[in-house]
Amino acid sequence: MAEETKPEGEKAAKRIKINKLSVSEIDAKLNEVKTSQGGLGSRYARQLLLRKKALGK
């Protein structure tokens, strides 16, 4: 398998753990999941919703 190379100006986006996300970041991720996966049934979406509930928002 060939490795993909990215331009020098573009850095790989760091993945942030769910427990380190703020409420606004969680909302943004939920919107991304809705559009890309067609709903909130995935395990990732459910974990985001649980974290949002835990934060009290």
PDB file of N, CA and C in Angstrom:
ATOM      1  N   MET A   1       0.827  -1.183   0.000  1.00  0.00           N
ATOM      2  CA  MET A   1       0.000   0.000   0.000  1.00  0.00           C
ATOM      3  C   MET A   1       0.870   1.243   0.000  1.00  0.00           C
ATOM      4  N   ALA A   2       0.485   2.179  -0.797  1.00  0.00           N
ATOM      5  CA  ALA A   2       1.231   3.427  -0.889  1.00  0.00           C
ATOM      6  C   ALA A   2       0.734   4.401   0.178  1.00  0.00           C
ATOM      7  N   GLU A   3       1.664   5.129   0.751  1.00  0.00           N
ATOM      8  CA  GLU A   3       1.295   6.122   1.748  1.00  0.00           C
ATOM      9  C   GLU A   3       0.854   7.396   1.043  1.00  0.00           C
ATOM     10  N   GLU A   4      -0.188   8.021   1.589  1.00  0.00           N
ATOM     11  CA  GLU A   4      -0.651   9.280   1.014  1.00  0.00           C
ATOM     12  C   GLU A   4       0.167  10.413   1.607  1.00  0.00           C
ATOM     13  N   THR A   5       0.556  11.338   0.757  1.00  0.00           N
ATOM     14  CA  THR A   5       1.303  12.482   1.241  1.00  0.00           C
ATOM     15  C   THR A   5       0.422  13.711   1.155  1.00  0.00           C
ATOM     16  N   LYS A   6       0.561  14.588   2.137  1.00  0.00           N
ATOM     17  CA  LYS A   6      -0.216  15.817   2.177  1.00  0.00           C
ATOM     18  C   LYS A   6       0.724  16.988   1.926  1.00  0.00           C
ATOM     19  N   PRO A   7       0.189  18.067   1.386  1.00  0.00           N
ATOM     20  CA  PRO A   7       1.019  19.263   1.196  1.00  0.00           C
ATOM     21  C   PRO A   7       1.566  19.751   2.532  1.00  0.00           C
ATOM     22  N   GLU A   8       2.688  20.448   2.469  1.00  0.00           N
ATOM     23  CA  GLU A   8       3.362  20.890   3.684  1.00  0.00           C
ATOM     24  C   GLU A   8       2.515  21.813   4.538  1.00  0.00           C
ATOM     25  N   GLY A   9       1.692  22.653   3.931  1.00  0.00           N
ATOM     26  CA  GLY A   9       0.872  23.605   4.671  1.00  0.00           C
ATOM     27  C   GLY A   9      -0.280  22.935   5.405  1.00  0.00           C
ATOM     28  N   GLU A  10      -0.630  21.737   5.031  1.00  0.00           N
ATOM     29  CA  GLU A  10      -1.764  21.041   5.614  1.00  0.00           C
ATOM     30  C   GLU A  10      -1.279  20.063   6.676  1.00  0.00           C
ATOM     31  N   LYS A  11      -1.741  20.222   7.887  1.00  0.00           N
ATOM     32  CA  LYS A  11      -1.371  19.298   8.947  1.00  0.00           C
ATOM     33  C   LYS A  11      -2.547  18.355   9.201  1.00  0.00           C
ATOM     34  N   ALA A  12      -2.246  17.184   9.675  1.00  0.00           N
ATOM     35  CA  ALA A  12      -3.298  16.227   9.999  1.00  0.00           C
ATOM     36  C   ALA A  12      -4.072  16.740  11.207  1.00  0.00           C
ATOM     37  N   ALA A  13      -5.386  16.658  11.125  1.00  0.00           N
ATOM     38  CA  ALA A  13      -6.222  17.114  12.224  1.00  0.00           C
ATOM     39  C   ALA A  13      -6.071  16.155  13.398  1.00  0.00           C
ATOM     40  N   LYS A  14      -5.859  16.716  14.573  1.00  0.00           N
ATOM     41  CA  LYS A  14      -5.742  15.877  15.758  1.00  0.00           C
ATOM     42  C   LYS A  14      -7.133  15.450  16.189  1.00  0.00           C
ATOM     43  N   ARG A  15      -7.240  14.230  16.611  1.00  0.00           N
ATOM     44  CA  ARG A  15      -8.511  13.731  17.109  1.00  0.00           C
ATOM     45  C   ARG A  15      -8.581  14.039  18.600  1.00  0.00           C
ATOM     46  N   ILE A  16      -9.696  14.624  18.990  1.00  0.00           N
ATOM     47  CA  ILE A  16      -9.891  14.985  20.387  1.00  0.00           C
ATOM     48  C   ILE A  16     -10.858  13.987  21.003  1.00  0.00           C
ATOM     49  N   LYS A  17     -10.525  13.486  22.163  1.00  0.00           N
ATOM     50  CA  LYS A  17     -11.385  12.528  22.842  1.00  0.00           C
ATOM     51  C   LYS A  17     -12.698  13.189  23.246  1.00  0.00           C
ATOM     52  N   ILE A  18     -13.751  12.382  23.303  1.00  0.00           N
ATOM     53  CA  ILE A  18     -15.082  12.894  23.606  1.00  0.00           C
ATOM     54  C   ILE A  18     -15.109  13.591  24.960  1.00  0.00           C
ATOM     55  N   ASN A  19     -14.405  13.054  25.939  1.00  0.00           N
ATOM     56  CA  ASN A  19     -14.462  13.649  27.276  1.00  0.00           C
ATOM     57  C   ASN A  19     -13.714  14.974  27.372  1.00  0.00           C
ATOM     58  N   LYS A  20     -13.041  15.382  26.317  1.00  0.00           N
ATOM     59  CA  LYS A  20     -12.334  16.668  26.314  1.00  0.00           C
ATOM     60  C   LYS A  20     -13.056  17.722  25.479  1.00  0.00           C
ATOM     61  N   LEU A  21     -14.182  17.354  24.840  1.00  0.00           N
ATOM     62  CA  LEU A  21     -14.918  18.282  23.993  1.00  0.00           C
ATOM     63  C   LEU A  21     -15.815  19.192  24.825  1.00  0.00           C
ATOM     64  N   SER A  22     -15.988  20.422  24.351  1.00  0.00           N
ATOM     65  CA  SER A  22     -16.928  21.335  24.981  1.00  0.00           C
ATOM     66  C   SER A  22     -18.316  21.108  24.378  1.00  0.00           C
ATOM     67  N   VAL A  23     -19.312  21.750  24.954  1.00  0.00           N
ATOM     68  CA  VAL A  23     -20.686  21.564  24.479  1.00  0.00           C
ATOM     69  C   VAL A  23     -20.835  22.018  23.024  1.00  0.00           C
ATOM     70  N   SER A  24     -20.229  23.135  22.680  1.00  0.00           N
ATOM     71  CA  SER A  24     -20.336  23.627  21.307  1.00  0.00           C
ATOM     72  C   SER A  24     -19.642  22.684  20.322  1.00  0.00           C
ATOM     73  N   GLU A  25     -18.519  22.103  20.733  1.00  0.00           N
ATOM     74  CA  GLU A  25     -17.823  21.144  19.878  1.00  0.00           C
ATOM     75  C   GLU A  25     -18.639  19.862  19.716  1.00  0.00           C
ATOM     76  N   ILE A  26     -19.315  19.456  20.791  1.00  0.00           N
ATOM     77  CA  ILE A  26     -20.167  18.268  20.723  1.00  0.00           C
ATOM     78  C   ILE A  26     -21.310  18.507  19.749  1.00  0.00           C
ATOM     79  N   ASP A  27     -21.934  19.697  19.817  1.00  0.00           N
ATOM     80  CA  ASP A  27     -23.019  20.025  18.881  1.00  0.00           C
ATOM     81  C   ASP A  27     -22.535  19.977  17.441  1.00  0.00           C
ATOM     82  N   ALA A  28     -21.348  20.501  17.189  1.00  0.00           N
ATOM     83  CA  ALA A  28     -20.799  20.487  15.836  1.00  0.00           C
ATOM     84  C   ALA A  28     -20.563  19.061  15.363  1.00  0.00           C
ATOM     85  N   LYS A  29     -20.019  18.220  16.240  1.00  0.00           N
ATOM     86  CA  LYS A  29     -19.779  16.812  15.883  1.00  0.00           C
ATOM     87  C   LYS A  29     -21.091  16.090  15.628  1.00  0.00           C
ATOM     88  N   LEU A  30     -22.121  16.383  16.427  1.00  0.00           N
ATOM     89  CA  LEU A  30     -23.428  15.746  16.222  1.00  0.00           C
ATOM     90  C   LEU A  30     -24.016  16.130  14.874  1.00  0.00           C
ATOM     91  N   ASN A  31     -23.852  17.383  14.482  1.00  0.00           N
ATOM     92  CA  ASN A  31     -24.337  17.801  13.169  1.00  0.00           C
ATOM     93  C   ASN A  31     -23.584  17.088  12.048  1.00  0.00           C
ATOM     94  N   GLU A  32     -22.286  16.925  12.215  1.00  0.00           N
ATOM     95  CA  GLU A  32     -21.488  16.192  11.224  1.00  0.00           C
ATOM     96  C   GLU A  32     -21.962  14.751  11.106  1.00  0.00           C
ATOM     97  N   VAL A  33     -22.218  14.122  12.255  1.00  0.00           N
ATOM     98  CA  VAL A  33     -22.645  12.729  12.264  1.00  0.00           C
ATOM     99  C   VAL A  33     -24.016  12.583  11.607  1.00  0.00           C
ATOM    100  N   LYS A  34     -24.933  13.513  11.898  1.00  0.00           N
ATOM    101  CA  LYS A  34     -26.274  13.464  11.296  1.00  0.00           C
ATOM    102  C   LYS A  34     -26.197  13.476   9.780  1.00  0.00           C
ATOM    103  N   THR A  35     -25.376  14.363   9.241  1.00  0.00           N
ATOM    104  CA  THR A  35     -25.300  14.485   7.787  1.00  0.00           C
ATOM    105  C   THR A  35     -24.536  13.333   7.151  1.00  0.00           C
ATOM    106  N   SER A  36     -23.461  12.900   7.778  1.00  0.00           N
ATOM    107  CA  SER A  36     -22.644  11.864   7.154  1.00  0.00           C
ATOM    108  C   SER A  36     -23.220  10.464   7.335  1.00  0.00           C
ATOM    109  N   GLN A  37     -23.823  10.198   8.488  1.00  0.00           N
ATOM    110  CA  GLN A  37     -24.309   8.857   8.768  1.00  0.00           C
ATOM    111  C   GLN A  37     -25.829   8.743   8.680  1.00  0.00           C
ATOM    112  N   GLY A  38     -26.507   9.864   8.475  1.00  0.00           N
ATOM    113  CA  GLY A  38     -27.950   9.827   8.297  1.00  0.00           C
ATOM    114  C   GLY A  38     -28.749   9.677   9.575  1.00  0.00           C
ATOM    115  N   GLY A  39     -28.180   9.997  10.699  1.00  0.00           N
ATOM    116  CA  GLY A  39     -28.910   9.911  11.958  1.00  0.00           C
ATOM    117  C   GLY A  39     -27.983   9.826  13.140  1.00  0.00           C
ATOM    118  N   LEU A  40     -28.609   9.553  14.294  1.00  0.00           N
ATOM    119  CA  LEU A  40     -27.831   9.498  15.528  1.00  0.00           C
ATOM    120  C   LEU A  40     -27.853   8.102  16.142  1.00  0.00           C
ATOM    121  N   GLY A  41     -27.938   7.087  15.323  1.00  0.00           N
ATOM    122  CA  GLY A  41     -28.017   5.722  15.810  1.00  0.00           C
ATOM    123  C   GLY A  41     -26.675   5.059  16.047  1.00  0.00           C
ATOM    124  N   SER A  42     -25.610   5.683  15.596  1.00  0.00           N
ATOM    125  CA  SER A  42     -24.294   5.052  15.735  1.00  0.00           C
ATOM    126  C   SER A  42     -23.806   5.126  17.178  1.00  0.00           C
ATOM    127  N   ARG A  43     -22.863   4.285  17.495  1.00  0.00           N
ATOM    128  CA  ARG A  43     -22.292   4.257  18.840  1.00  0.00           C
ATOM    129  C   ARG A  43     -21.607   5.584  19.159  1.00  0.00           C
ATOM    130  N   TYR A  44     -20.925   6.152  18.193  1.00  0.00           N
ATOM    131  CA  TYR A  44     -20.231   7.431  18.381  1.00  0.00           C
ATOM    132  C   TYR A  44     -21.229   8.536  18.719  1.00  0.00           C
ATOM    133  N   ALA A  45     -22.344   8.572  17.992  1.00  0.00           N
ATOM    134  CA  ALA A  45     -23.362   9.589  18.236  1.00  0.00           C
ATOM    135  C   ALA A  45     -23.982   9.418  19.622  1.00  0.00           C
ATOM    136  N   ARG A  46     -24.224   8.182  20.005  1.00  0.00           N
ATOM    137  CA  ARG A  46     -24.798   7.931  21.331  1.00  0.00           C
ATOM    138  C   ARG A  46     -23.837   8.367  22.429  1.00  0.00           C
ATOM    139  N   GLN A  47     -22.538   8.140  22.238  1.00  0.00           N
ATOM    140  CA  GLN A  47     -21.553   8.575  23.224  1.00  0.00           C
ATOM    141  C   GLN A  47     -21.489  10.100  23.312  1.00  0.00           C
ATOM    142  N   LEU A  48     -21.597  10.769  22.162  1.00  0.00           N
ATOM    143  CA  LEU A  48     -21.629  12.231  22.163  1.00  0.00           C
ATOM    144  C   LEU A  48     -22.838  12.748  22.929  1.00  0.00           C
ATOM    145  N   LEU A  49     -23.996  12.118  22.707  1.00  0.00           N
ATOM    146  CA  LEU A  49     -25.212  12.541  23.402  1.00  0.00           C
ATOM    147  C   LEU A  49     -25.100  12.316  24.913  1.00  0.00           C
ATOM    148  N   LEU A  50     -24.499  11.200  25.313  1.00  0.00           N
ATOM    149  CA  LEU A  50     -24.301  10.946  26.739  1.00  0.00           C
ATOM    150  C   LEU A  50     -23.375  11.988  27.371  1.00  0.00           C
ATOM    151  N   ARG A  51     -22.332  12.353  26.654  1.00  0.00           N
ATOM    152  CA  ARG A  51     -21.398  13.367  27.165  1.00  0.00           C
ATOM    153  C   ARG A  51     -22.081  14.716  27.274  1.00  0.00           C
ATOM    154  N   LYS A  52     -22.907  15.052  26.302  1.00  0.00           N
ATOM    155  CA  LYS A  52     -23.634  16.330  26.333  1.00  0.00           C
ATOM    156  C   LYS A  52     -24.576  16.355  27.540  1.00  0.00           C
ATOM    157  N   LYS A  53     -25.246  15.233  27.784  1.00  0.00           N
ATOM    158  CA  LYS A  53     -26.153  15.142  28.930  1.00  0.00           C
ATOM    159  C   LYS A  53     -25.369  15.257  30.239  1.00  0.00           C
ATOM    160  N   ALA A  54     -24.201  14.657  30.306  1.00  0.00           N
ATOM    161  CA  ALA A  54     -23.373  14.699  31.502  1.00  0.00           C
ATOM    162  C   ALA A  54     -22.889  16.116  31.807  1.00  0.00           C
ATOM    163  N   LEU A  55     -22.686  16.890  30.757  1.00  0.00           N
ATOM    164  CA  LEU A  55     -22.253  18.277  30.950  1.00  0.00           C
ATOM    165  C   LEU A  55     -23.409  19.165  31.399  1.00  0.00           C
ATOM    166  N   GLY A  56     -24.621  18.646  31.312  1.00  0.00           N
ATOM    167  CA  GLY A  56     -25.783  19.386  31.807  1.00  0.00           C
ATOM    168  C   GLY A  56     -26.392  20.353  30.835  1.00  0.00           C
ATOM    169  N   LYS A  57     -26.165  20.160  29.574  1.00  0.00           N
ATOM    170  CA  LYS A  57     -26.732  21.073  28.560  1.00  0.00           C
ATOM    171  C   LYS A  57     -27.685  20.331  27.690  1.00  0.00           C
TER     172      LYS A  57
END
